[in-house]
Amino acid sequence: MNKTLENDLTMTIRVKGRTKKLNVSKLLKISGTEPQILIEEMIEQPRLFAWIGVLRAMAQDTYERQKTEVKRVYAQRDKYHRRRREAKKLRASEKIIEADVLVDAEYKEATDKLEEAKYNYEVLNVITEAFEQRKDMLQSTGAFVRKEYGELNLDNLKEKARERVQKG
């Protein structure tokens, strides 16, 4: 049974400190299979693909930077907890220090930001793959329409439309 989604798939992502709301369903939707609509969709595809590609690259950069930030915060908090334990003359094994760092608020904040950056990057990877599929589908449909209608130009389309009207 063919069933279309009743609700739009809308994603909110955060890239480079800016929040973007993406209506993925609307971005990927193809308005129809009439030749003129397909031409418009084919013209629009590279712009949309480039825009998503730029967002993806920004998300990847944010993700990579945040991985480095987590390592930096870990080292900083490790040093802090070692000094704190030494000052209080408390036991400071590697496991205890690691446990202190893992529950540290600053480290938790950095790892939360890393998870958000990873999520945004992965979502944009999936959307990029969907745009690849959209491009392939547009090419296949365009080839079918060219076979059906001949080369896609307005004069040719008008002539084909007249022929079909005359044939009934």
Protein backbone atom coordinates (compact mmCIF):
# COMPACT_ATOMS: atom_id res chain seq x y z
CA MET A 1 0.00 0.00 0.00
CA ASN A 2 1.44 3.36 -1.04
CA LYS A 3 1.09 5.87 1.72
CA THR A 4 2.49 9.39 1.79
CA LEU A 5 3.62 11.13 4.95
CA GLU A 6 0.93 13.36 6.31
CA ASN A 7 3.34 15.41 8.41
CA ASP A 8 6.34 17.26 7.12
CA LEU A 9 9.70 16.12 8.42
CA THR A 10 11.20 19.23 9.96
CA MET A 11 14.61 19.18 11.63
CA THR A 12 16.19 21.82 13.81
CA ILE A 13 19.96 21.75 13.72
CA ARG A 14 22.58 23.98 15.28
CA VAL A 15 25.63 24.78 13.17
CA LYS A 16 28.36 27.26 14.06
CA GLY A 17 26.23 28.66 16.85
CA ARG A 18 23.26 29.32 14.57
CA THR A 19 20.00 27.42 14.65
CA LYS A 20 18.61 26.29 11.30
CA LYS A 21 15.16 24.85 10.83
CA LEU A 22 15.02 22.53 7.81
CA ASN A 23 11.78 21.29 6.32
CA VAL A 24 13.36 18.18 4.83
CA SER A 25 10.12 16.99 3.23
CA LYS A 26 9.73 20.29 1.39
CA LEU A 27 13.39 20.39 0.31
CA LEU A 28 13.27 16.89 -1.17
CA LYS A 29 9.79 17.08 -2.69
CA ILE A 30 9.44 17.11 -6.46
CA SER A 31 6.42 19.12 -7.52
CA GLY A 32 5.36 16.92 -10.42
CA THR A 33 6.42 14.99 -13.49
CA GLU A 34 5.35 17.43 -16.17
CA PRO A 35 8.35 18.33 -18.34
CA GLN A 36 8.40 22.01 -17.37
CA ILE A 37 8.26 21.18 -13.67
CA LEU A 38 11.05 18.64 -14.08
CA ILE A 39 13.19 21.24 -15.84
CA GLU A 40 12.62 23.65 -12.96
CA GLU A 41 13.44 20.94 -10.41
CA MET A 42 16.63 20.01 -12.29
CA ILE A 43 17.67 23.67 -12.34
CA GLU A 44 16.94 24.04 -8.60
CA GLN A 45 18.67 20.79 -7.53
CA PRO A 46 22.30 22.06 -7.62
CA ARG A 47 21.45 25.15 -5.54
CA LEU A 48 19.68 23.09 -2.87
CA PHE A 49 22.41 20.45 -2.91
CA ALA A 50 25.12 23.10 -2.52
CA TRP A 51 23.26 24.75 0.36
CA ILE A 52 22.91 21.44 2.21
CA GLY A 53 26.55 20.66 1.38
CA VAL A 54 27.71 23.91 2.97
CA LEU A 55 25.62 23.24 6.07
CA ARG A 56 27.09 19.73 6.23
CA ALA A 57 30.66 21.04 5.95
CA MET A 58 29.97 23.55 8.71
CA ALA A 59 28.48 20.81 10.88
CA GLN A 60 31.50 18.59 10.24
CA ASP A 61 33.84 21.43 11.23
CA THR A 62 31.84 22.04 14.42
CA TYR A 63 31.93 18.32 15.22
CA GLU A 64 35.70 18.05 14.68
CA ARG A 65 36.38 21.17 16.76
CA GLN A 66 34.16 19.90 19.55
CA LYS A 67 36.04 16.57 19.64
CA THR A 68 39.23 18.57 20.23
CA GLU A 69 37.46 20.69 22.86
CA VAL A 70 36.35 17.58 24.77
CA LYS A 71 39.97 16.35 24.89
CA ARG A 72 41.14 19.76 26.09
CA VAL A 73 38.47 19.95 28.80
CA TYR A 74 39.24 16.39 29.88
CA ALA A 75 42.94 17.21 30.31
CA GLN A 76 42.12 20.42 32.17
CA ARG A 77 39.65 18.75 34.53
CA ASP A 78 41.99 15.77 35.05
CA LYS A 79 44.72 18.17 36.20
CA TYR A 80 42.27 20.04 38.45
CA HIS A 81 40.99 16.88 40.15
CA ARG A 82 44.52 15.52 40.66
CA ARG A 83 45.62 18.75 42.35
CA ARG A 84 42.45 18.90 44.45
CA ARG A 85 42.94 15.33 45.69
CA GLU A 86 46.65 15.93 46.36
CA ALA A 87 45.84 19.09 48.35
CA LYS A 88 43.32 17.17 50.46
CA LYS A 89 45.70 14.22 50.76
CA LEU A 90 43.10 11.91 49.19
CA ARG A 91 43.78 8.80 47.19
CA ALA A 92 44.28 9.63 43.48
CA SER A 93 44.35 6.47 41.37
CA GLU A 94 43.75 6.68 37.63
CA LYS A 95 40.27 5.19 37.99
CA ILE A 96 39.28 7.66 40.72
CA ILE A 97 40.53 10.65 38.71
CA GLU A 98 38.77 9.36 35.60
CA ALA A 99 35.53 8.98 37.58
CA ASP A 100 35.90 12.54 38.93
CA VAL A 101 36.38 13.92 35.43
CA LEU A 102 33.47 11.97 33.94
CA VAL A 103 31.01 13.50 36.42
CA ASP A 104 32.58 16.97 36.26
CA ALA A 105 30.07 19.64 35.10
CA GLU A 106 32.47 21.27 32.63
CA TYR A 107 33.35 17.94 31.05
CA LYS A 108 29.67 16.96 30.89
CA GLU A 109 28.85 20.26 29.15
CA ALA A 110 31.62 19.67 26.58
CA THR A 111 30.45 16.10 25.87
CA ASP A 112 26.84 17.28 25.53
CA LYS A 113 27.96 19.80 22.91
CA LEU A 114 29.92 17.03 21.17
CA GLU A 115 26.83 14.82 21.03
CA GLU A 116 24.78 17.66 19.58
CA ALA A 117 27.45 18.39 16.98
CA LYS A 118 27.66 14.70 16.06
CA TYR A 119 23.87 14.47 15.72
CA ASN A 120 23.71 17.55 13.47
CA TYR A 121 26.53 16.25 11.29
CA GLU A 122 24.90 12.82 10.95
CA VAL A 123 21.49 14.34 10.12
CA LEU A 124 23.06 16.47 7.39
CA ASN A 125 24.88 13.40 6.04
CA VAL A 126 21.54 11.60 5.69
CA ILE A 127 19.96 14.64 4.02
CA THR A 128 22.95 14.84 1.63
CA GLU A 129 22.45 11.18 0.72
CA ALA A 130 18.75 11.87 0.12
CA PHE A 131 19.71 14.70 -2.24
CA GLU A 132 21.98 12.28 -4.12
CA GLN A 133 18.98 9.97 -4.53
CA ARG A 134 16.81 12.92 -5.58
CA LYS A 135 19.38 13.86 -8.23
CA ASP A 136 19.48 10.29 -9.54
CA MET A 137 15.69 10.14 -9.62
CA LEU A 138 15.49 13.45 -11.48
CA GLN A 139 18.00 12.16 -14.03
CA SER A 140 16.06 8.93 -14.54
CA THR A 141 12.74 10.74 -14.82
CA GLY A 142 14.30 13.29 -17.17
CA ALA A 143 15.58 10.50 -19.39
CA PHE A 144 12.12 8.93 -19.48
CA VAL A 145 10.50 12.28 -20.33
CA ARG A 146 13.08 12.93 -23.07
CA LYS A 147 12.29 9.53 -24.51
CA GLU A 148 8.57 10.29 -24.31
CA TYR A 149 8.65 13.92 -25.45
CA GLY A 150 11.96 14.25 -27.27
CA GLU A 151 14.43 16.95 -26.25
CA LEU A 152 13.06 19.22 -23.54
CA ASN A 153 12.63 22.71 -24.87
CA LEU A 154 9.49 24.80 -24.76
CA ASP A 155 8.84 24.84 -28.51
CA ASN A 156 9.09 21.06 -28.66
CA LEU A 157 6.84 20.70 -25.59
CA LYS A 158 4.21 23.01 -27.07
CA GLU A 159 4.25 21.05 -30.32
CA LYS A 160 3.90 17.72 -28.47
CA ALA A 161 1.01 19.16 -26.43
CA ARG A 162 -0.76 20.31 -29.63
CA GLU A 163 -0.31 16.85 -31.16
CA ARG A 164 -1.80 15.18 -28.08
CA VAL A 165 -4.76 17.58 -28.03
CA GLN A 166 -5.44 16.94 -31.71
CA LYS A 167 -5.26 13.17 -31.24
CA GLY A 168 -7.80 13.44 -28.44
